[in-house]
């Protein structure tokens, strides 16, 4: 893993999105209904995990990229869902 800001942004956007899509796919296939905000919490948890790994390995630029993407998701969420 390299310590690059753009990789942090990429990881911070792609991995929670993949977790959300995979969880939504599983929910539709197995007909197991979870609370609507479960997948949003899952995305936050995935980003926290990536952020903690980057901090522990002292990849500061990577952690900043993940944090940037987290704020990006928060702004998008606030714009579309809290209007």
PDB file of N, CA and C in Angstrom:
ATOM      1  N   UNK A   1       0.855  -1.166   0.000  1.00  0.00           N
ATOM      2  CA  UNK A   1       0.000   0.000   0.000  1.00  0.00           C
ATOM      3  C   UNK A   1       0.905   1.235   0.000  1.00  0.00           C
ATOM      4  N   UNK A   2       0.592   2.181  -0.863  1.00  0.00           N
ATOM      5  CA  UNK A   2       1.384   3.405  -0.961  1.00  0.00           C
ATOM      6  C   UNK A   2       0.701   4.525  -0.191  1.00  0.00           C
ATOM      7  N   UNK A   3       1.494   5.475   0.233  1.00  0.00           N
ATOM      8  CA  UNK A   3       0.994   6.614   0.991  1.00  0.00           C
ATOM      9  C   UNK A   3       0.731   7.777   0.034  1.00  0.00           C
ATOM     10  N   UNK A   4      -0.381   7.703  -0.664  1.00  0.00           N
ATOM     11  CA  UNK A   4      -0.757   8.734  -1.631  1.00  0.00           C
ATOM     12  C   UNK A   4      -2.165   9.231  -1.322  1.00  0.00           C
ATOM     13  N   UNK A   5      -2.366  10.530  -1.451  1.00  0.00           N
ATOM     14  CA  UNK A   5      -3.667  11.131  -1.171  1.00  0.00           C
ATOM     15  C   UNK A   5      -4.741  10.588  -2.099  1.00  0.00           C
ATOM     16  N   UNK A   6      -4.437  10.515  -3.388  1.00  0.00           N
ATOM     17  CA  UNK A   6      -5.444  10.065  -4.353  1.00  0.00           C
ATOM     18  C   UNK A   6      -5.859   8.619  -4.110  1.00  0.00           C
ATOM     19  N   UNK A   7      -4.954   7.780  -3.604  1.00  0.00           N
ATOM     20  CA  UNK A   7      -5.335   6.409  -3.268  1.00  0.00           C
ATOM     21  C   UNK A   7      -6.280   6.383  -2.070  1.00  0.00           C
ATOM     22  N   UNK A   8      -6.053   7.284  -1.119  1.00  0.00           N
ATOM     23  CA  UNK A   8      -6.960   7.395   0.020  1.00  0.00           C
ATOM     24  C   UNK A   8      -8.359   7.808  -0.413  1.00  0.00           C
ATOM     25  N   UNK A   9      -8.428   8.751  -1.344  1.00  0.00           N
ATOM     26  CA  UNK A   9      -9.730   9.168  -1.869  1.00  0.00           C
ATOM     27  C   UNK A   9     -10.391   8.014  -2.614  1.00  0.00           C
ATOM     28  N   UNK A  10      -9.606   7.308  -3.407  1.00  0.00           N
ATOM     29  CA  UNK A  10     -10.136   6.166  -4.150  1.00  0.00           C
ATOM     30  C   UNK A  10     -10.643   5.075  -3.210  1.00  0.00           C
ATOM     31  N   UNK A  11      -9.837   4.702  -2.217  1.00  0.00           N
ATOM     32  CA  UNK A  11     -10.260   3.691  -1.252  1.00  0.00           C
ATOM     33  C   UNK A  11     -11.472   4.159  -0.464  1.00  0.00           C
ATOM     34  N   UNK A  12     -11.458   5.420  -0.074  1.00  0.00           N
ATOM     35  CA  UNK A  12     -12.541   5.959   0.739  1.00  0.00           C
ATOM     36  C   UNK A  12     -13.859   6.066  -0.001  1.00  0.00           C
ATOM     37  N   UNK A  13     -13.816   6.187  -1.310  1.00  0.00           N
ATOM     38  CA  UNK A  13     -15.053   6.256  -2.090  1.00  0.00           C
ATOM     39  C   UNK A  13     -15.466   4.871  -2.583  1.00  0.00           C
ATOM     40  N   UNK A  14     -14.512   4.097  -3.094  1.00  0.00           N
ATOM     41  CA  UNK A  14     -14.850   2.825  -3.738  1.00  0.00           C
ATOM     42  C   UNK A  14     -15.249   1.729  -2.755  1.00  0.00           C
ATOM     43  N   UNK A  15     -14.515   1.551  -1.672  1.00  0.00           N
ATOM     44  CA  UNK A  15     -14.795   0.432  -0.779  1.00  0.00           C
ATOM     45  C   UNK A  15     -16.142   0.553  -0.052  1.00  0.00           C
ATOM     46  N   UNK A  16     -16.504   1.715   0.489  1.00  0.00           N
ATOM     47  CA  UNK A  16     -17.850   1.808   1.071  1.00  0.00           C
ATOM     48  C   UNK A  16     -18.957   1.653   0.027  1.00  0.00           C
ATOM     49  N   UNK A  17     -18.716   2.155  -1.173  1.00  0.00           N
ATOM     50  CA  UNK A  17     -19.702   1.994  -2.239  1.00  0.00           C
ATOM     51  C   UNK A  17     -19.882   0.525  -2.596  1.00  0.00           C
ATOM     52  N   UNK A  18     -18.787  -0.206  -2.696  1.00  0.00           N
ATOM     53  CA  UNK A  18     -18.874  -1.640  -2.967  1.00  0.00           C
ATOM     54  C   UNK A  18     -19.578  -2.381  -1.831  1.00  0.00           C
ATOM     55  N   UNK A  19     -19.297  -2.008  -0.587  1.00  0.00           N
ATOM     56  CA  UNK A  19     -19.965  -2.639   0.554  1.00  0.00           C
ATOM     57  C   UNK A  19     -21.466  -2.359   0.511  1.00  0.00           C
ATOM     58  N   UNK A  20     -21.835  -1.139   0.159  1.00  0.00           N
ATOM     59  CA  UNK A  20     -23.245  -0.782   0.064  1.00  0.00           C
ATOM     60  C   UNK A  20     -23.937  -1.584  -1.038  1.00  0.00           C
ATOM     61  N   UNK A  21     -23.322  -1.639  -2.210  1.00  0.00           N
ATOM     62  CA  UNK A  21     -23.926  -2.364  -3.335  1.00  0.00           C
ATOM     63  C   UNK A  21     -24.009  -3.864  -3.060  1.00  0.00           C
ATOM     64  N   UNK A  22     -22.965  -4.433  -2.463  1.00  0.00           N
ATOM     65  CA  UNK A  22     -22.969  -5.849  -2.140  1.00  0.00           C
ATOM     66  C   UNK A  22     -24.033  -6.164  -1.088  1.00  0.00           C
ATOM     67  N   UNK A  23     -24.142  -5.328  -0.072  1.00  0.00           N
ATOM     68  CA  UNK A  23     -25.159  -5.531   0.960  1.00  0.00           C
ATOM     69  C   UNK A  23     -26.563  -5.385   0.413  1.00  0.00           C
ATOM     70  N   UNK A  24     -26.769  -4.425  -0.453  1.00  0.00           N
ATOM     71  CA  UNK A  24     -28.081  -4.225  -1.069  1.00  0.00           C
ATOM     72  C   UNK A  24     -28.436  -5.409  -1.965  1.00  0.00           C
ATOM     73  N   UNK A  25     -27.450  -5.929  -2.702  1.00  0.00           N
ATOM     74  CA  UNK A  25     -27.657  -7.103  -3.544  1.00  0.00           C
ATOM     75  C   UNK A  25     -28.032  -8.318  -2.695  1.00  0.00           C
ATOM     76  N   UNK A  26     -27.302  -8.525  -1.611  1.00  0.00           N
ATOM     77  CA  UNK A  26     -27.617  -9.660  -0.736  1.00  0.00           C
ATOM     78  C   UNK A  26     -29.008  -9.540  -0.133  1.00  0.00           C
ATOM     79  N   UNK A  27     -29.359  -8.346   0.279  1.00  0.00           N
ATOM     80  CA  UNK A  27     -30.673  -8.147   0.882  1.00  0.00           C
ATOM     81  C   UNK A  27     -31.783  -8.438  -0.117  1.00  0.00           C
ATOM     82  N   UNK A  28     -31.598  -8.068  -1.359  1.00  0.00           N
ATOM     83  CA  UNK A  28     -32.636  -8.316  -2.356  1.00  0.00           C
ATOM     84  C   UNK A  28     -32.727  -9.794  -2.732  1.00  0.00           C
ATOM     85  N   UNK A  29     -31.608 -10.517  -2.659  1.00  0.00           N
ATOM     86  CA  UNK A  29     -31.608 -11.929  -3.051  1.00  0.00           C
ATOM     87  C   UNK A  29     -32.104 -12.857  -1.950  1.00  0.00           C
ATOM     88  N   UNK A  30     -31.823 -12.551  -0.707  1.00  0.00           N
ATOM     89  CA  UNK A  30     -32.206 -13.474   0.364  1.00  0.00           C
ATOM     90  C   UNK A  30     -33.462 -13.034   1.092  1.00  0.00           C
ATOM     91  N   UNK A  31     -34.031 -11.918   0.684  1.00  0.00           N
ATOM     92  CA  UNK A  31     -35.275 -11.396   1.262  1.00  0.00           C
ATOM     93  C   UNK A  31     -35.167 -11.229   2.766  1.00  0.00           C
ATOM     94  N   UNK A  32     -34.013 -10.794   3.212  1.00  0.00           N
ATOM     95  CA  UNK A  32     -33.798 -10.510   4.623  1.00  0.00           C
ATOM     96  C   UNK A  32     -33.734  -9.003   4.767  1.00  0.00           C
ATOM     97  N   UNK A  33     -34.723  -8.424   5.371  1.00  0.00           N
ATOM     98  CA  UNK A  33     -34.836  -6.971   5.409  1.00  0.00           C
ATOM     99  C   UNK A  33     -34.197  -6.408   6.667  1.00  0.00           C
ATOM    100  N   UNK A  34     -33.307  -5.474   6.449  1.00  0.00           N
ATOM    101  CA  UNK A  34     -32.638  -4.785   7.536  1.00  0.00           C
ATOM    102  C   UNK A  34     -33.172  -3.361   7.617  1.00  0.00           C
ATOM    103  N   UNK A  35     -32.818  -2.691   8.666  1.00  0.00           N
ATOM    104  CA  UNK A  35     -33.235  -1.293   8.796  1.00  0.00           C
ATOM    105  C   UNK A  35     -32.662  -0.473   7.646  1.00  0.00           C
ATOM    106  N   UNK A  36     -33.373   0.528   7.181  1.00  0.00           N
ATOM    107  CA  UNK A  36     -32.911   1.292   6.003  1.00  0.00           C
ATOM    108  C   UNK A  36     -31.552   1.961   6.191  1.00  0.00           C
ATOM    109  N   UNK A  37     -31.224   2.379   7.399  1.00  0.00           N
ATOM    110  CA  UNK A  37     -29.952   3.069   7.589  1.00  0.00           C
ATOM    111  C   UNK A  37     -28.807   2.112   7.915  1.00  0.00           C
ATOM    112  N   UNK A  38     -29.049   0.818   7.896  1.00  0.00           N
ATOM    113  CA  UNK A  38     -27.984  -0.152   8.182  1.00  0.00           C
ATOM    114  C   UNK A  38     -26.836  -0.028   7.185  1.00  0.00           C
ATOM    115  N   UNK A  39     -27.142   0.141   5.924  1.00  0.00           N
ATOM    116  CA  UNK A  39     -26.095   0.199   4.910  1.00  0.00           C
ATOM    117  C   UNK A  39     -25.306   1.504   4.985  1.00  0.00           C
ATOM    118  N   UNK A  40     -25.948   2.568   5.427  1.00  0.00           N
ATOM    119  CA  UNK A  40     -25.217   3.812   5.637  1.00  0.00           C
ATOM    120  C   UNK A  40     -24.235   3.648   6.789  1.00  0.00           C
ATOM    121  N   UNK A  41     -24.664   2.971   7.835  1.00  0.00           N
ATOM    122  CA  UNK A  41     -23.779   2.703   8.963  1.00  0.00           C
ATOM    123  C   UNK A  41     -22.655   1.759   8.537  1.00  0.00           C
ATOM    124  N   UNK A  42     -22.954   0.805   7.688  1.00  0.00           N
ATOM    125  CA  UNK A  42     -21.935  -0.100   7.157  1.00  0.00           C
ATOM    126  C   UNK A  42     -20.866   0.676   6.393  1.00  0.00           C
ATOM    127  N   UNK A  43     -21.272   1.629   5.583  1.00  0.00           N
ATOM    128  CA  UNK A  43     -20.314   2.439   4.817  1.00  0.00           C
ATOM    129  C   UNK A  43     -19.420   3.261   5.747  1.00  0.00           C
ATOM    130  N   UNK A  44     -20.001   3.815   6.791  1.00  0.00           N
ATOM    131  CA  UNK A  44     -19.207   4.570   7.762  1.00  0.00           C
ATOM    132  C   UNK A  44     -18.212   3.640   8.450  1.00  0.00           C
ATOM    133  N   UNK A  45     -18.659   2.441   8.801  1.00  0.00           N
ATOM    134  CA  UNK A  45     -17.770   1.472   9.442  1.00  0.00           C
ATOM    135  C   UNK A  45     -16.614   1.056   8.546  1.00  0.00           C
ATOM    136  N   UNK A  46     -16.886   0.862   7.270  1.00  0.00           N
ATOM    137  CA  UNK A  46     -15.817   0.498   6.324  1.00  0.00           C
ATOM    138  C   UNK A  46     -14.811   1.632   6.219  1.00  0.00           C
ATOM    139  N   UNK A  47     -15.295   2.861   6.143  1.00  0.00           N
ATOM    140  CA  UNK A  47     -14.375   4.002   6.072  1.00  0.00           C
ATOM    141  C   UNK A  47     -13.569   4.145   7.357  1.00  0.00           C
ATOM    142  N   UNK A  48     -14.193   3.905   8.506  1.00  0.00           N
ATOM    143  CA  UNK A  48     -13.458   3.973   9.770  1.00  0.00           C
ATOM    144  C   UNK A  48     -12.362   2.917   9.824  1.00  0.00           C
ATOM    145  N   UNK A  49     -12.665   1.727   9.321  1.00  0.00           N
ATOM    146  CA  UNK A  49     -11.677   0.654   9.304  1.00  0.00           C
ATOM    147  C   UNK A  49     -10.484   1.022   8.423  1.00  0.00           C
ATOM    148  N   UNK A  50     -10.747   1.526   7.235  1.00  0.00           N
ATOM    149  CA  UNK A  50      -9.667   1.946   6.334  1.00  0.00           C
ATOM    150  C   UNK A  50      -8.844   3.067   6.980  1.00  0.00           C
ATOM    151  N   UNK A  51      -9.531   4.014   7.592  1.00  0.00           N
ATOM    152  CA  UNK A  51      -8.858   5.149   8.234  1.00  0.00           C
ATOM    153  C   UNK A  51      -7.960   4.671   9.371  1.00  0.00           C
ATOM    154  N   UNK A  52      -8.457   3.755  10.203  1.00  0.00           N
ATOM    155  CA  UNK A  52      -7.670   3.253  11.329  1.00  0.00           C
ATOM    156  C   UNK A  52      -6.433   2.485  10.851  1.00  0.00           C
ATOM    157  N   UNK A  53      -6.584   1.702   9.810  1.00  0.00           N
ATOM    158  CA  UNK A  53      -5.432   0.972   9.272  1.00  0.00           C
ATOM    159  C   UNK A  53      -4.386   1.953   8.752  1.00  0.00           C
ATOM    160  N   UNK A  54      -4.830   2.987   8.057  1.00  0.00           N
ATOM    161  CA  UNK A  54      -3.895   3.985   7.520  1.00  0.00           C
ATOM    162  C   UNK A  54      -3.184   4.732   8.646  1.00  0.00           C
ATOM    163  N   UNK A  55      -3.888   5.059   9.716  1.00  0.00           N
ATOM    164  CA  UNK A  55      -3.277   5.766  10.844  1.00  0.00           C
ATOM    165  C   UNK A  55      -2.266   4.864  11.546  1.00  0.00           C
ATOM    166  N   UNK A  56      -2.632   3.601  11.786  1.00  0.00           N
ATOM    167  CA  UNK A  56      -1.712   2.693  12.489  1.00  0.00           C
ATOM    168  C   UNK A  56      -0.436   2.437  11.697  1.00  0.00           C
ATOM    169  N   UNK A  57      -0.540   2.397  10.388  1.00  0.00           N
ATOM    170  CA  UNK A  57       0.646   2.175   9.553  1.00  0.00           C
ATOM    171  C   UNK A  57       1.352   3.482   9.220  1.00  0.00           C
ATOM    172  N   UNK A  58       0.874   4.585   9.778  1.00  0.00           N
ATOM    173  CA  UNK A  58       1.440   5.923   9.603  1.00  0.00           C
ATOM    174  C   UNK A  58       1.478   6.366   8.143  1.00  0.00           C
ATOM    175  N   UNK A  59       0.388   6.085   7.449  1.00  0.00           N
ATOM    176  CA  UNK A  59       0.204   6.577   6.088  1.00  0.00           C
ATOM    177  C   UNK A  59      -0.672   7.830   6.165  1.00  0.00           C
ATOM    178  N   UNK A  60      -0.035   8.952   6.427  1.00  0.00           N
ATOM    179  CA  UNK A  60      -0.782  10.182   6.678  1.00  0.00           C
ATOM    180  C   UNK A  60      -1.535  10.677   5.453  1.00  0.00           C
ATOM    181  N   UNK A  61      -0.920  10.649   4.295  1.00  0.00           N
ATOM    182  CA  UNK A  61      -1.593  11.129   3.083  1.00  0.00           C
ATOM    183  C   UNK A  61      -2.778  10.235   2.737  1.00  0.00           C
ATOM    184  N   UNK A  62      -2.624   8.938   2.906  1.00  0.00           N
ATOM    185  CA  UNK A  62      -3.715   8.006   2.656  1.00  0.00           C
ATOM    186  C   UNK A  62      -4.872   8.275   3.614  1.00  0.00           C
ATOM    187  N   UNK A  63      -4.557   8.497   4.887  1.00  0.00           N
ATOM    188  CA  UNK A  63      -5.592   8.790   5.879  1.00  0.00           C
ATOM    189  C   UNK A  63      -6.304  10.099   5.555  1.00  0.00           C
ATOM    190  N   UNK A  64      -5.579  11.089   5.091  1.00  0.00           N
ATOM    191  CA  UNK A  64      -6.198  12.359   4.709  1.00  0.00           C
ATOM    192  C   UNK A  64      -7.132  12.176   3.520  1.00  0.00           C
ATOM    193  N   UNK A  65      -6.756  11.328   2.584  1.00  0.00           N
ATOM    194  CA  UNK A  65      -7.625  11.043   1.440  1.00  0.00           C
ATOM    195  C   UNK A  65      -8.910  10.346   1.867  1.00  0.00           C
ATOM    196  N   UNK A  66      -8.799   9.398   2.784  1.00  0.00           N
ATOM    197  CA  UNK A  66      -9.991   8.709   3.292  1.00  0.00           C
ATOM    198  C   UNK A  66     -10.888   9.693   4.037  1.00  0.00           C
ATOM    199  N   UNK A  67     -10.281  10.557   4.836  1.00  0.00           N
ATOM    200  CA  UNK A  67     -11.057  11.556   5.563  1.00  0.00           C
ATOM    201  C   UNK A  67     -11.741  12.525   4.604  1.00  0.00           C
ATOM    202  N   UNK A  68     -11.057  12.917   3.547  1.00  0.00           N
ATOM    203  CA  UNK A  68     -11.637  13.787   2.532  1.00  0.00           C
ATOM    204  C   UNK A  68     -12.861  13.137   1.883  1.00  0.00           C
ATOM    205  N   UNK A  69     -12.726  11.850   1.531  1.00  0.00           N
ATOM    206  CA  UNK A  69     -13.854  11.160   0.903  1.00  0.00           C
ATOM    207  C   UNK A  69     -15.011  10.977   1.878  1.00  0.00           C
ATOM    208  N   UNK A  70     -14.701  10.829   3.159  1.00  0.00           N
ATOM    209  CA  UNK A  70     -15.755  10.733   4.166  1.00  0.00           C
ATOM    210  C   UNK A  70     -16.551  12.036   4.229  1.00  0.00           C
ATOM    211  N   UNK A  71     -15.856  13.163   4.206  1.00  0.00           N
ATOM    212  CA  UNK A  71     -16.551  14.453   4.180  1.00  0.00           C
ATOM    213  C   UNK A  71     -17.349  14.630   2.892  1.00  0.00           C
ATOM    214  N   UNK A  72     -16.802  14.134   1.792  1.00  0.00           N
ATOM    215  CA  UNK A  72     -17.523  14.187   0.517  1.00  0.00           C
ATOM    216  C   UNK A  72     -18.840  13.423   0.614  1.00  0.00           C
ATOM    217  N   UNK A  73     -18.780  12.196   1.156  1.00  0.00           N
ATOM    218  CA  UNK A  73     -20.002  11.406   1.346  1.00  0.00           C
ATOM    219  C   UNK A  73     -20.983  12.114   2.277  1.00  0.00           C
ATOM    220  N   UNK A  74     -20.476  12.757   3.321  1.00  0.00           N
ATOM    221  CA  UNK A  74     -21.352  13.456   4.259  1.00  0.00           C
ATOM    222  C   UNK A  74     -22.073  14.621   3.581  1.00  0.00           C
ATOM    223  N   UNK A  75     -21.371  15.343   2.738  1.00  0.00           N
ATOM    224  CA  UNK A  75     -21.983  16.469   2.026  1.00  0.00           C
ATOM    225  C   UNK A  75     -23.032  15.968   1.035  1.00  0.00           C
ATOM    226  N   UNK A  76     -22.718  14.907   0.302  1.00  0.00           N
ATOM    227  CA  UNK A  76     -23.677  14.326  -0.637  1.00  0.00           C
ATOM    228  C   UNK A  76     -24.905  13.826   0.103  1.00  0.00           C
ATOM    229  N   UNK A  77     -24.700  13.142   1.222  1.00  0.00           N
ATOM    230  CA  UNK A  77     -25.813  12.641   2.020  1.00  0.00           C
ATOM    231  C   UNK A  77     -26.690  13.800   2.512  1.00  0.00           C
ATOM    232  N   UNK A  78     -26.064  14.848   3.021  1.00  0.00           N
ATOM    233  CA  UNK A  78     -26.824  15.982   3.527  1.00  0.00           C
ATOM    234  C   UNK A  78     -27.602  16.667   2.406  1.00  0.00           C
ATOM    235  N   UNK A  79     -27.014  16.748   1.227  1.00  0.00           N
ATOM    236  CA  UNK A  79     -27.678  17.431   0.115  1.00  0.00           C
ATOM    237  C   UNK A  79     -28.884  16.634  -0.368  1.00  0.00           C
ATOM    238  N   UNK A  80     -28.751  15.331  -0.536  1.00  0.00           N
ATOM    239  CA  UNK A  80     -29.819  14.543  -1.124  1.00  0.00           C
ATOM    240  C   UNK A  80     -30.860  14.033  -0.129  1.00  0.00           C
ATOM    241  N   UNK A  81     -30.457  13.756   1.091  1.00  0.00           N
ATOM    242  CA  UNK A  81     -31.371  13.096   2.005  1.00  0.00           C
ATOM    243  C   UNK A  81     -31.889  13.970   3.137  1.00  0.00           C
ATOM    244  N   UNK A  82     -31.275  15.085   3.372  1.00  0.00           N
ATOM    245  CA  UNK A  82     -31.714  15.944   4.475  1.00  0.00           C
ATOM    246  C   UNK A  82     -32.333  17.251   4.017  1.00  0.00           C
ATOM    247  N   UNK A  83     -32.730  17.320   2.768  1.00  0.00           N
ATOM    248  CA  UNK A  83     -33.366  18.544   2.264  1.00  0.00           C
ATOM    249  C   UNK A  83     -34.764  18.672   2.761  1.00  0.00           C
TER     250      UNK A  83
END
